[in-house]
Amino acid sequence: MSDNLAVVFDCGATELSVAAVNDEGTIVKSVSYPNAPIIQPGCQEDWKIWDLENIWLKLCLACRQVCTSLAKDLKKIKAVTACTFGADGAPVSEHGSLTYPVISWHDRRTIPLVEEIKKIMGPWEVFVETGYQLIHFNTFFRLMWLKKYAPEALSTARYWLMMPGLLSYKLCGEFSIDPTIGGTMMAMSQRNRDWSTKMLSLIGLDPSFFPSLVEPGDVIGYVDSEASKETGLPEGTPVVAAGHDTQFAALGSGADENEAILSSGTWEILMLRTNKYQPTRYGFSEGILIENDAVAGFWNPQLLMMGSGVVEWIRKHFYKDLDDIKDSGKIYEKMIEEGWKVDPGSSGVMLLPCFVENTGPAKKYGTQGTILGLNINTERGQIYRAALEGLSFQLKHALDILSEAMGVKVKGIRIVGGGAKNALWNQIRADVIGLPVTSIAQKDATSVGAAMVAFKGAGVFSSIEEALRSIKFDEVVFEPSQNETLYKKLTPKYMQAIKSLQKFYLES
């Protein structure tokens, strides 16, 4: 084992994990527990919050288990860091206690506020300033809601902390916020990597309501005695800033210049790492978001779309006979086995993966999830393969948008996350986009990327770039096969179906 380890607290929307990662990017030990928002006590069902104390208890339990497994190697832990989903945070007192619960991105209370902002500032102007589209769960709208309906929560607060800052505070007692998580708030000048006084003034706030920005790789503080008892981490371990999980997945993917990154899970995020902040009218109209990269001077233009959530839906409804199998991996192996047996094109079955409204590259058409081409002989394996093909057509659509908006000729895609494990899907992706798709051994690229930043903060590496060069990626490259020709013919049919059904769904 390497002489250096970093511990990463990864707070996801469905899974909480703690991983020990060595300086070659290998995850030595990882422990996970499920996560889900809860209904805010005493409120209506669509008011969703995160139980921060429960999240912390689960992360502490996972961390103690990781540390127990490393009992002889605890001295090798050089740093700890935290990364989380974006947009969610809460106001805190000078002692770090919440003055209002952490409102989840699942929550819908802020929907009416989107129209209010449109009357004050146009969506295009907001996009140019913040890199963000007007989405009801933007942090900006939570702040606006609190200012309007729970003003005492803000007036009694010292700071606003995002989720990584809330976890880091519990580790070391220091307040912090970094530009990657701050960039998800629709409250920063993305071009300047700093707070937007223009946006904050719209809701009567200013930059003093947030801690000083710390860059990923900066030391926030050191694990204190109480956190050491709760987590099992050695007291005095440096707590290093990370931030928004998307940016660290991009960092941990090892993508080269003009190589796109696909973070593939229940949702998929297709993104680039670029040294240009380039908001365009076309990108805006197609739903692109632009976030701060983990490294200053870079940005991550991206598109969000449905991913394996569609596959999970198919498993639930078409593979119920496998529910008795406790190992979910075995279930997906069976599905993949059936998918390999189906010819490309799925015997005319086509699935449109528009399962969540107002998301994905086809959102402007308003088309919903659809299965076309069914007949009396259609089998579930065809529907499963059609889902993988439909998701790959969606990826091609997103890649075309991203390439045109950013003026980049993409030479390939690096894929990370759970969706990277499916060789059938990877081959279909390569065939549909007509470019190589590279899968790496490190499926949890978020933890790897965050760990490299932590090592930089601890002084193991002199820079993030040096840390990234130490990773052993063990790549598998999927080149386009002879099926590329068929998929080139099917891609326009997919786009035709998306557009043709627009009127049907708008009128229904």
Protein backbone atom coordinates (compact mmCIF):
# COMPACT_ATOMS: atom_id res chain seq x y z
CA MET A 1 0.00 0.00 0.00
CA SER A 2 1.09 3.57 -0.68
CA ASP A 3 2.39 5.56 2.27
CA ASN A 4 -0.22 8.27 1.66
CA LEU A 5 -4.00 8.14 2.11
CA ALA A 6 -6.73 10.75 1.86
CA VAL A 7 -10.21 10.25 3.30
CA VAL A 8 -13.13 11.59 1.26
CA PHE A 9 -16.60 12.26 2.66
CA ASP A 10 -18.91 12.02 -0.38
CA CYS A 11 -22.46 13.11 0.38
CA GLY A 12 -24.71 12.10 -2.50
CA ALA A 13 -28.46 12.41 -2.86
CA THR A 14 -29.00 8.64 -2.66
CA GLU A 15 -25.76 7.42 -1.07
CA LEU A 16 -23.40 8.60 1.63
CA SER A 17 -19.90 7.20 1.36
CA VAL A 18 -16.52 7.55 2.98
CA ALA A 19 -13.51 6.36 1.00
CA ALA A 20 -9.81 6.05 1.73
CA VAL A 21 -7.86 6.73 -1.46
CA ASN A 22 -4.13 6.33 -2.00
CA ASP A 23 -1.91 8.69 -3.99
CA GLU A 24 -2.18 6.54 -7.12
CA GLY A 25 -5.95 6.97 -7.21
CA THR A 26 -6.82 3.54 -5.86
CA ILE A 27 -9.75 3.32 -3.44
CA VAL A 28 -8.35 1.21 -0.62
CA LYS A 29 -11.56 1.04 1.41
CA SER A 30 -15.05 2.49 1.00
CA VAL A 31 -18.19 2.23 3.13
CA SER A 32 -21.60 3.54 2.07
CA TYR A 33 -25.07 4.08 3.52
CA PRO A 34 -28.30 5.16 1.83
CA ASN A 35 -29.46 8.76 1.85
CA ALA A 36 -32.78 10.44 1.09
CA PRO A 37 -34.50 13.73 1.90
CA ILE A 38 -37.35 13.85 4.41
CA ILE A 39 -40.55 15.87 4.60
CA GLN A 40 -40.02 18.97 6.72
CA PRO A 41 -41.82 18.27 10.03
CA GLY A 42 -45.25 19.88 10.18
CA CYS A 43 -45.18 20.91 6.51
CA GLN A 44 -46.73 19.77 3.24
CA GLU A 45 -45.38 16.71 1.45
CA ASP A 46 -43.43 18.55 -1.24
CA TRP A 47 -41.40 20.51 1.34
CA LYS A 48 -38.26 18.39 1.47
CA ILE A 49 -35.20 18.88 3.69
CA TRP A 50 -32.04 17.00 4.58
CA ASP A 51 -31.62 15.70 8.11
CA LEU A 52 -28.09 17.00 8.58
CA GLU A 53 -27.51 15.27 11.91
CA ASN A 54 -28.58 11.92 10.46
CA ILE A 55 -26.29 12.45 7.47
CA TRP A 56 -23.41 13.27 9.81
CA LEU A 57 -24.07 10.21 11.99
CA LYS A 58 -24.03 7.92 8.93
CA LEU A 59 -20.86 9.50 7.59
CA CYS A 60 -19.21 9.14 11.01
CA LEU A 61 -20.22 5.48 11.17
CA ALA A 62 -18.84 4.89 7.68
CA CYS A 63 -15.63 6.73 8.56
CA ARG A 64 -15.11 4.73 11.75
CA GLN A 65 -15.50 1.52 9.73
CA VAL A 66 -12.98 2.74 7.18
CA CYS A 67 -10.54 3.77 9.92
CA THR A 68 -10.98 0.43 11.72
CA SER A 69 -10.02 -1.39 8.53
CA LEU A 70 -6.94 0.82 8.35
CA ALA A 71 -6.05 0.47 12.02
CA LYS A 72 -2.37 -0.20 11.32
CA ASP A 73 -2.19 2.53 8.70
CA LEU A 74 -3.96 5.49 10.34
CA LYS A 75 -0.70 7.45 10.30
CA LYS A 76 -0.85 7.28 6.50
CA ILE A 77 -3.95 9.51 6.45
CA LYS A 78 -2.63 12.87 5.31
CA ALA A 79 -5.91 14.77 4.84
CA VAL A 80 -9.70 14.59 4.83
CA THR A 81 -12.08 16.42 2.52
CA ALA A 82 -15.79 16.63 1.69
CA CYS A 83 -17.70 16.86 -1.57
CA THR A 84 -21.47 16.86 -2.06
CA PHE A 85 -24.29 17.48 -4.52
CA GLY A 86 -24.82 21.12 -5.46
CA ALA A 87 -27.38 23.83 -4.70
CA ASP A 88 -28.19 22.88 -1.08
CA GLY A 89 -27.11 24.75 2.03
CA ALA A 90 -28.39 26.50 5.13
CA PRO A 91 -27.94 29.59 7.32
CA VAL A 92 -25.90 29.01 10.50
CA SER A 93 -25.29 30.92 13.72
CA GLU A 94 -21.87 32.09 14.84
CA HIS A 95 -21.60 28.76 16.68
CA GLY A 96 -22.38 26.72 13.57
CA SER A 97 -25.92 25.64 14.49
CA LEU A 98 -28.61 25.75 11.80
CA THR A 99 -31.07 28.62 11.97
CA TYR A 100 -33.23 26.83 9.35
CA PRO A 101 -33.11 23.26 8.02
CA VAL A 102 -31.20 22.38 4.84
CA ILE A 103 -33.82 22.66 2.09
CA SER A 104 -33.32 19.87 -0.46
CA TRP A 105 -33.17 20.33 -4.23
CA HIS A 106 -36.17 17.95 -4.28
CA ASP A 107 -38.25 20.70 -2.62
CA ARG A 108 -40.84 22.60 -4.69
CA ARG A 109 -41.72 25.59 -2.50
CA THR A 110 -39.65 28.00 -4.59
CA ILE A 111 -41.32 27.34 -7.96
CA PRO A 112 -43.46 30.55 -7.89
CA LEU A 113 -40.38 32.69 -7.25
CA VAL A 114 -38.89 31.92 -10.68
CA GLU A 115 -41.54 34.07 -12.36
CA GLU A 116 -40.89 36.89 -9.89
CA ILE A 117 -37.21 37.07 -10.83
CA LYS A 118 -38.04 37.10 -14.54
CA LYS A 119 -39.83 40.41 -13.97
CA ILE A 120 -36.69 41.91 -12.43
CA MET A 121 -33.86 40.34 -14.45
CA GLY A 122 -34.05 38.48 -17.75
CA PRO A 123 -33.01 34.80 -17.89
CA TRP A 124 -30.32 35.58 -20.49
CA GLU A 125 -28.78 38.25 -18.25
CA VAL A 126 -28.81 35.80 -15.33
CA PHE A 127 -27.10 33.18 -17.52
CA VAL A 128 -24.33 35.55 -18.61
CA GLU A 129 -23.68 36.58 -15.01
CA THR A 130 -23.97 33.22 -13.25
CA GLY A 131 -23.69 30.50 -15.91
CA TYR A 132 -27.04 29.18 -14.71
CA GLN A 133 -30.49 28.76 -16.17
CA LEU A 134 -33.50 29.70 -14.02
CA ILE A 135 -34.20 26.45 -12.17
CA HIS A 136 -36.48 26.57 -9.15
CA PHE A 137 -34.05 24.69 -6.91
CA ASN A 138 -31.19 27.14 -7.47
CA THR A 139 -29.86 28.20 -4.06
CA PHE A 140 -30.65 31.79 -4.97
CA PHE A 141 -34.37 30.99 -4.81
CA ARG A 142 -33.98 29.35 -1.36
CA LEU A 143 -32.34 32.55 -0.11
CA MET A 144 -35.12 34.55 -1.73
CA TRP A 145 -37.79 32.34 -0.12
CA LEU A 146 -36.21 32.60 3.34
CA LYS A 147 -35.87 36.36 3.02
CA LYS A 148 -39.57 36.54 2.20
CA TYR A 149 -41.13 33.88 4.43
CA ALA A 150 -38.63 33.12 7.22
CA PRO A 151 -36.56 36.32 7.57
CA GLU A 152 -35.55 35.54 11.15
CA ALA A 153 -33.59 32.53 9.85
CA LEU A 154 -31.34 34.89 7.93
CA SER A 155 -31.29 37.77 10.38
CA THR A 156 -30.09 35.51 13.21
CA ALA A 157 -27.49 33.77 11.04
CA ARG A 158 -23.82 34.65 10.79
CA TYR A 159 -23.16 32.85 7.51
CA TRP A 160 -24.70 30.75 4.79
CA LEU A 161 -22.89 27.43 4.34
CA MET A 162 -23.30 24.94 1.52
CA MET A 163 -23.27 21.21 2.24
CA PRO A 164 -19.47 20.74 1.95
CA GLY A 165 -19.01 23.65 4.35
CA LEU A 166 -21.50 22.20 6.82
CA LEU A 167 -19.57 18.91 6.87
CA SER A 168 -16.16 20.61 7.03
CA TYR A 169 -17.36 22.71 9.97
CA LYS A 170 -18.27 19.53 11.84
CA LEU A 171 -14.78 18.22 11.18
CA CYS A 172 -12.78 21.26 12.23
CA GLY A 173 -15.04 24.05 13.50
CA GLU A 174 -14.06 26.50 10.74
CA PHE A 175 -16.47 28.20 8.32
CA SER A 176 -15.77 27.78 4.60
CA ILE A 177 -17.18 27.88 1.09
CA ASP A 178 -15.39 27.14 -2.17
CA PRO A 179 -16.03 28.37 -5.74
CA THR A 180 -17.18 24.99 -7.10
CA ILE A 181 -20.07 24.70 -4.66
CA GLY A 182 -20.60 28.47 -4.63
CA GLY A 183 -20.90 28.31 -8.40
CA THR A 184 -24.01 26.12 -8.09
CA MET A 185 -25.92 28.85 -6.21
CA MET A 186 -26.81 31.22 -9.08
CA ALA A 187 -25.26 33.87 -6.84
CA MET A 188 -21.70 34.11 -8.20
CA SER A 189 -20.16 36.01 -11.07
CA GLN A 190 -18.93 32.86 -12.78
CA ARG A 191 -16.54 34.76 -15.03
CA ASN A 192 -14.83 36.34 -12.01
CA ARG A 193 -15.03 33.31 -9.69
CA ASP A 194 -16.44 35.60 -7.00
CA TRP A 195 -19.77 36.69 -5.53
CA SER A 196 -22.15 38.61 -7.76
CA THR A 197 -23.24 41.79 -6.01
CA LYS A 198 -25.71 42.21 -8.88
CA MET A 199 -27.51 38.97 -8.02
CA LEU A 200 -27.25 39.27 -4.24
CA SER A 201 -28.62 42.82 -4.26
CA LEU A 202 -31.86 41.48 -5.78
CA ILE A 203 -32.59 39.75 -2.48
CA GLY A 204 -31.01 42.26 -0.12
CA LEU A 205 -27.83 40.32 0.65
CA ASP A 206 -24.13 40.99 0.14
CA PRO A 207 -20.91 38.90 0.10
CA SER A 208 -20.39 39.35 3.86
CA PHE A 209 -23.15 36.78 4.40
CA PHE A 210 -20.75 34.09 3.17
CA PRO A 211 -17.38 32.98 4.54
CA SER A 212 -14.27 33.97 2.61
CA LEU A 213 -13.86 31.80 -0.47
CA VAL A 214 -11.30 29.01 -0.17
CA GLU A 215 -9.96 27.30 -3.26
CA PRO A 216 -10.04 23.50 -3.63
CA GLY A 217 -6.79 22.28 -2.15
CA ASP A 218 -6.65 24.97 0.55
CA VAL A 219 -6.49 23.84 4.19
CA ILE A 220 -9.64 24.93 6.05
CA GLY A 221 -8.58 23.70 9.49
CA TYR A 222 -7.70 20.52 11.36
CA VAL A 223 -9.79 17.65 12.73
CA ASP A 224 -10.65 18.61 16.29
CA SER A 225 -10.89 16.30 19.29
CA GLU A 226 -14.67 15.89 19.13
CA ALA A 227 -14.67 15.09 15.42
CA SER A 228 -11.80 12.67 15.98
CA LYS A 229 -13.88 10.72 18.50
CA GLU A 230 -16.90 10.71 16.18
CA THR A 231 -15.09 9.73 12.97
CA GLY A 232 -12.04 7.77 14.11
CA LEU A 233 -9.78 10.15 12.17
CA PRO A 234 -6.55 11.19 13.91
CA GLU A 235 -6.87 14.55 15.66
CA GLY A 236 -4.99 17.26 13.79
CA THR A 237 -5.56 15.76 10.33
CA PRO A 238 -5.77 18.64 7.80
CA VAL A 239 -9.30 19.34 6.55
CA VAL A 240 -8.89 20.39 2.91
CA ALA A 241 -11.45 22.18 0.75
CA ALA A 242 -13.10 20.25 -2.09
CA GLY A 243 -16.72 21.11 -3.01
CA HIS A 244 -19.24 20.17 -5.69
CA ASP A 245 -19.04 16.49 -6.68
CA THR A 246 -19.48 17.16 -10.42
CA GLN A 247 -16.24 19.14 -10.62
CA PHE A 248 -14.23 16.47 -8.83
CA ALA A 249 -15.63 13.73 -11.06
CA ALA A 250 -14.35 15.77 -14.01
CA LEU A 251 -10.99 16.20 -12.33
CA GLY A 252 -10.73 12.52 -11.41
CA SER A 253 -11.63 11.35 -14.93
CA GLY A 254 -8.23 12.29 -16.35
CA ALA A 255 -9.81 13.95 -19.39
CA ASP A 256 -7.47 15.54 -21.91
CA GLU A 257 -8.12 18.78 -23.80
CA ASN A 258 -11.17 18.46 -26.09
CA GLU A 259 -12.17 15.19 -24.41
CA ALA A 260 -15.68 15.34 -22.95
CA ILE A 261 -16.54 13.80 -19.58
CA LEU A 262 -19.75 11.89 -18.95
CA SER A 263 -20.65 11.37 -15.30
CA SER A 264 -23.16 8.55 -15.59
CA GLY A 265 -25.51 7.59 -12.78
CA THR A 266 -29.26 7.93 -12.24
CA TRP A 267 -28.66 11.28 -13.94
CA GLU A 268 -25.98 11.95 -16.52
CA ILE A 269 -23.90 15.11 -16.82
CA LEU A 270 -21.97 15.68 -20.03
CA MET A 271 -19.30 18.33 -19.57
CA LEU A 272 -16.04 19.83 -20.75
CA ARG A 273 -13.08 21.37 -18.95
CA THR A 274 -12.29 24.59 -20.77
CA ASN A 275 -10.20 27.70 -20.07
CA LYS A 276 -12.84 29.98 -21.61
CA TYR A 277 -15.96 31.37 -19.96
CA GLN A 278 -18.18 31.47 -23.02
CA PRO A 279 -21.92 31.98 -22.48
CA THR A 280 -23.62 32.02 -25.89
CA ARG A 281 -27.19 32.59 -27.00
CA TYR A 282 -27.24 29.16 -28.58
CA GLY A 283 -25.94 27.45 -25.44
CA PHE A 284 -28.46 29.36 -23.35
CA SER A 285 -31.37 28.34 -25.60
CA GLU A 286 -30.28 24.70 -25.45
CA GLY A 287 -30.11 24.59 -21.63
CA ILE A 288 -26.36 24.56 -21.03
CA LEU A 289 -25.07 25.35 -17.53
CA ILE A 290 -21.56 26.67 -16.89
CA GLU A 291 -19.93 25.94 -13.52
CA ASN A 292 -16.59 26.77 -11.94
CA ASP A 293 -13.99 24.05 -12.42
CA ALA A 294 -12.02 22.71 -9.47
CA VAL A 295 -8.99 24.60 -10.84
CA ALA A 296 -9.14 28.39 -11.11
CA GLY A 297 -9.07 29.60 -14.72
CA PHE A 298 -11.19 26.69 -15.97
CA TRP A 299 -14.95 26.22 -16.36
CA ASN A 300 -17.28 23.26 -16.89
CA PRO A 301 -20.01 23.85 -19.50
CA GLN A 302 -22.46 20.97 -19.18
CA LEU A 303 -25.83 19.45 -19.92
CA LEU A 304 -27.91 17.48 -17.40
CA MET A 305 -30.09 14.60 -18.59
CA MET A 306 -31.69 11.36 -17.49
CA GLY A 307 -29.32 8.40 -17.28
CA SER A 308 -29.65 5.02 -15.63
CA GLY A 309 -32.85 6.21 -13.96
CA VAL A 310 -34.46 4.99 -17.18
CA VAL A 311 -32.70 1.63 -16.84
CA GLU A 312 -33.87 1.40 -13.22
CA TRP A 313 -37.44 2.02 -14.41
CA ILE A 314 -37.15 -0.84 -16.92
CA ARG A 315 -35.75 -3.17 -14.28
CA LYS A 316 -38.63 -2.31 -11.95
CA HIS A 317 -41.38 -2.88 -14.52
CA PHE A 318 -40.03 -5.52 -16.92
CA TYR A 319 -37.77 -7.65 -14.72
CA LYS A 320 -39.94 -8.14 -11.65
CA ASP A 321 -39.37 -11.90 -11.82
CA LEU A 322 -35.79 -11.19 -10.70
CA ASP A 323 -36.83 -9.29 -7.56
CA ASP A 324 -35.96 -12.29 -5.38
CA ILE A 325 -32.29 -11.92 -6.33
CA LYS A 326 -30.77 -9.96 -3.45
CA ASP A 327 -27.64 -8.93 -5.37
CA SER A 328 -28.80 -6.10 -7.66
CA GLY A 329 -25.62 -6.54 -9.68
CA LYS A 330 -26.80 -10.01 -10.73
CA ILE A 331 -30.08 -8.52 -11.93
CA TYR A 332 -28.28 -6.03 -14.15
CA GLU A 333 -25.98 -8.77 -15.44
CA LYS A 334 -29.08 -10.66 -16.62
CA MET A 335 -30.45 -7.54 -18.30
CA ILE A 336 -27.14 -6.88 -20.04
CA GLU A 337 -26.95 -10.52 -21.15
CA GLU A 338 -30.38 -10.20 -22.78
CA GLY A 339 -29.39 -6.88 -24.36
CA TRP A 340 -26.31 -8.37 -26.03
CA LYS A 341 -28.54 -10.95 -27.73
CA VAL A 342 -30.69 -8.27 -29.39
CA ASP A 343 -29.60 -6.96 -32.78
CA PRO A 344 -28.62 -3.28 -33.09
CA GLY A 345 -31.74 -1.21 -33.68
CA SER A 346 -33.73 -3.39 -31.25
CA SER A 347 -35.94 -4.77 -34.07
CA GLY A 348 -37.50 -1.36 -34.65
CA VAL A 349 -38.22 -0.55 -30.99
CA MET A 350 -37.16 2.99 -30.06
CA LEU A 351 -37.25 4.53 -26.59
CA LEU A 352 -37.20 8.29 -25.96
CA PRO A 353 -35.60 8.77 -22.51
CA CYS A 354 -37.36 12.07 -21.68
CA PHE A 355 -38.60 10.77 -18.34
CA VAL A 356 -38.26 14.02 -16.35
CA GLU A 357 -39.81 17.20 -17.74
CA ASN A 358 -37.68 20.26 -18.46
CA THR A 359 -34.42 18.33 -18.44
CA GLY A 360 -32.06 17.03 -21.09
CA PRO A 361 -31.11 18.30 -24.54
CA ALA A 362 -34.66 17.71 -25.85
CA LYS A 363 -36.42 19.69 -23.13
CA LYS A 364 -37.42 22.54 -25.46
CA TYR A 365 -39.65 20.14 -27.40
CA GLY A 366 -41.66 19.10 -24.34
CA THR A 367 -41.67 15.48 -25.49
CA GLN A 368 -42.11 12.92 -22.73
CA GLY A 369 -40.74 9.42 -22.26
CA THR A 370 -42.04 7.21 -25.07
CA ILE A 371 -41.60 3.68 -26.42
CA LEU A 372 -42.22 3.31 -30.17
CA GLY A 373 -42.33 0.30 -32.46
CA LEU A 374 -43.93 -2.28 -30.17
CA ASN A 375 -45.58 -5.37 -31.63
CA ILE A 376 -47.00 -8.64 -30.34
CA ASN A 377 -43.57 -10.28 -30.47
CA THR A 378 -41.61 -7.55 -28.66
CA GLU A 379 -39.53 -8.94 -25.78
CA ARG A 380 -38.16 -7.16 -22.75
CA GLY A 381 -34.56 -7.51 -23.93
CA GLN A 382 -35.45 -5.39 -26.95
CA ILE A 383 -36.95 -2.72 -24.71
CA TYR A 384 -33.86 -2.78 -22.52
CA ARG A 385 -31.52 -2.42 -25.48
CA ALA A 386 -33.77 0.27 -26.95
CA ALA A 387 -33.33 2.19 -23.67
CA LEU A 388 -29.54 2.02 -23.95
CA GLU A 389 -29.79 3.13 -27.57
CA GLY A 390 -32.20 5.95 -26.73
CA LEU A 391 -29.91 7.17 -23.95
CA SER A 392 -27.01 7.06 -26.41
CA PHE A 393 -28.96 9.06 -29.03
CA GLN A 394 -29.67 11.57 -26.25
CA LEU A 395 -25.92 11.67 -25.51
CA LYS A 396 -25.18 12.32 -29.19
CA HIS A 397 -27.74 15.16 -29.17
CA ALA A 398 -26.14 16.67 -26.05
CA LEU A 399 -22.62 16.30 -27.47
CA ASP A 400 -23.61 18.11 -30.68
CA ILE A 401 -25.08 20.98 -28.64
CA LEU A 402 -22.05 21.25 -26.35
CA SER A 403 -19.60 21.12 -29.25
CA GLU A 404 -21.40 23.84 -31.22
CA ALA A 405 -21.99 26.10 -28.22
CA MET A 406 -18.38 25.97 -27.10
CA GLY A 407 -16.77 25.82 -30.54
CA VAL A 408 -14.95 22.61 -29.64
CA LYS A 409 -14.34 19.56 -31.78
CA VAL A 410 -14.63 16.78 -29.22
CA LYS A 411 -12.29 13.86 -29.89
CA GLY A 412 -13.79 11.36 -27.45
CA ILE A 413 -15.65 10.85 -24.18
CA ARG A 414 -14.35 9.63 -20.85
CA ILE A 415 -17.07 8.04 -18.76
CA VAL A 416 -17.17 7.75 -14.98
CA GLY A 417 -19.78 6.63 -12.47
CA GLY A 418 -21.99 3.56 -12.22
CA GLY A 419 -23.02 3.76 -15.88
CA ALA A 420 -19.39 3.24 -16.88
CA LYS A 421 -19.51 -0.40 -15.76
CA ASN A 422 -21.85 -1.53 -18.56
CA ALA A 423 -19.74 -2.69 -21.53
CA LEU A 424 -22.80 -3.09 -23.78
CA TRP A 425 -23.89 0.47 -23.12
CA ASN A 426 -20.35 1.78 -23.65
CA GLN A 427 -20.13 0.04 -27.03
CA ILE A 428 -23.50 1.44 -28.11
CA ARG A 429 -22.39 4.91 -26.99
CA ALA A 430 -19.23 4.64 -29.12
CA ASP A 431 -21.21 3.41 -32.12
CA VAL A 432 -23.83 6.16 -31.85
CA ILE A 433 -21.47 9.11 -31.31
CA GLY A 434 -18.84 7.73 -33.70
CA LEU A 435 -16.03 8.45 -31.26
CA PRO A 436 -14.01 6.41 -28.77
CA VAL A 437 -15.53 6.02 -25.31
CA THR A 438 -12.99 5.48 -22.53
CA SER A 439 -13.93 3.78 -19.28
CA ILE A 440 -11.49 3.97 -16.39
CA ALA A 441 -10.91 1.60 -13.50
CA GLN A 442 -11.80 4.31 -10.99
CA LYS A 443 -15.60 4.26 -11.28
CA ASP A 444 -15.84 6.64 -8.31
CA ALA A 445 -13.98 9.45 -10.03
CA THR A 446 -15.48 11.97 -7.58
CA SER A 447 -13.63 10.46 -4.62
CA VAL A 448 -10.44 10.11 -6.65
CA GLY A 449 -10.55 13.73 -7.83
CA ALA A 450 -11.33 15.02 -4.34
CA ALA A 451 -8.53 12.90 -2.86
CA MET A 452 -5.97 14.37 -5.26
CA VAL A 453 -7.01 17.86 -4.19
CA ALA A 454 -6.69 16.78 -0.54
CA PHE A 455 -3.18 15.46 -1.17
CA LYS A 456 -2.22 18.82 -2.68
CA GLY A 457 -3.52 20.57 0.46
CA ALA A 458 -1.56 18.21 2.69
CA GLY A 459 1.65 18.87 0.77
CA VAL A 460 1.97 15.37 -0.69
CA PHE A 461 1.93 17.00 -4.12
CA SER A 462 2.96 20.53 -5.01
CA SER A 463 -0.03 21.08 -7.30
CA ILE A 464 -3.30 19.51 -8.37
CA GLU A 465 -1.77 18.84 -11.79
CA GLU A 466 1.08 16.86 -10.22
CA ALA A 467 -1.43 14.88 -8.16
CA LEU A 468 -3.46 13.99 -11.25
CA ARG A 469 -0.36 12.72 -13.03
CA SER A 470 0.11 10.15 -10.28
CA ILE A 471 -3.23 8.39 -10.98
CA LYS A 472 -3.10 4.96 -12.64
CA PHE A 473 -6.29 4.98 -14.70
CA ASP A 474 -6.22 1.45 -16.25
CA GLU A 475 -8.30 2.51 -19.24
CA VAL A 476 -10.60 0.43 -21.44
CA VAL A 477 -11.33 2.10 -24.80
CA PHE A 478 -14.46 1.26 -26.78
CA GLU A 479 -13.95 2.15 -30.46
CA PRO A 480 -16.89 2.52 -32.86
CA SER A 481 -17.73 -0.86 -34.46
CA GLN A 482 -19.34 -1.82 -37.76
CA ASN A 483 -22.69 -0.89 -36.17
CA GLU A 484 -21.78 2.81 -36.43
CA THR A 485 -23.27 2.91 -39.96
CA LEU A 486 -26.67 1.64 -38.78
CA TYR A 487 -26.78 4.05 -35.85
CA LYS A 488 -25.97 6.97 -38.16
CA LYS A 489 -29.20 6.15 -40.00
CA LEU A 490 -31.19 5.78 -36.79
CA THR A 491 -30.02 9.02 -35.13
CA PRO A 492 -32.07 11.30 -37.48
CA LYS A 493 -35.12 9.08 -36.85
CA TYR A 494 -34.67 9.58 -33.11
CA MET A 495 -34.53 13.35 -33.58
CA GLN A 496 -37.56 13.21 -35.88
CA ALA A 497 -39.52 11.30 -33.23
CA ILE A 498 -38.55 13.82 -30.52
CA LYS A 499 -39.70 16.74 -32.67
CA SER A 500 -42.80 15.09 -34.17
CA LEU A 501 -44.24 14.21 -30.77
CA GLN A 502 -43.88 17.78 -29.49
CA LYS A 503 -47.36 18.79 -30.65
CA PHE A 504 -48.95 15.62 -29.24
CA TYR A 505 -47.57 16.18 -25.74
CA LEU A 506 -48.17 19.93 -25.73
CA GLU A 507 -51.83 19.33 -26.59
CA SER A 508 -52.38 16.40 -24.23
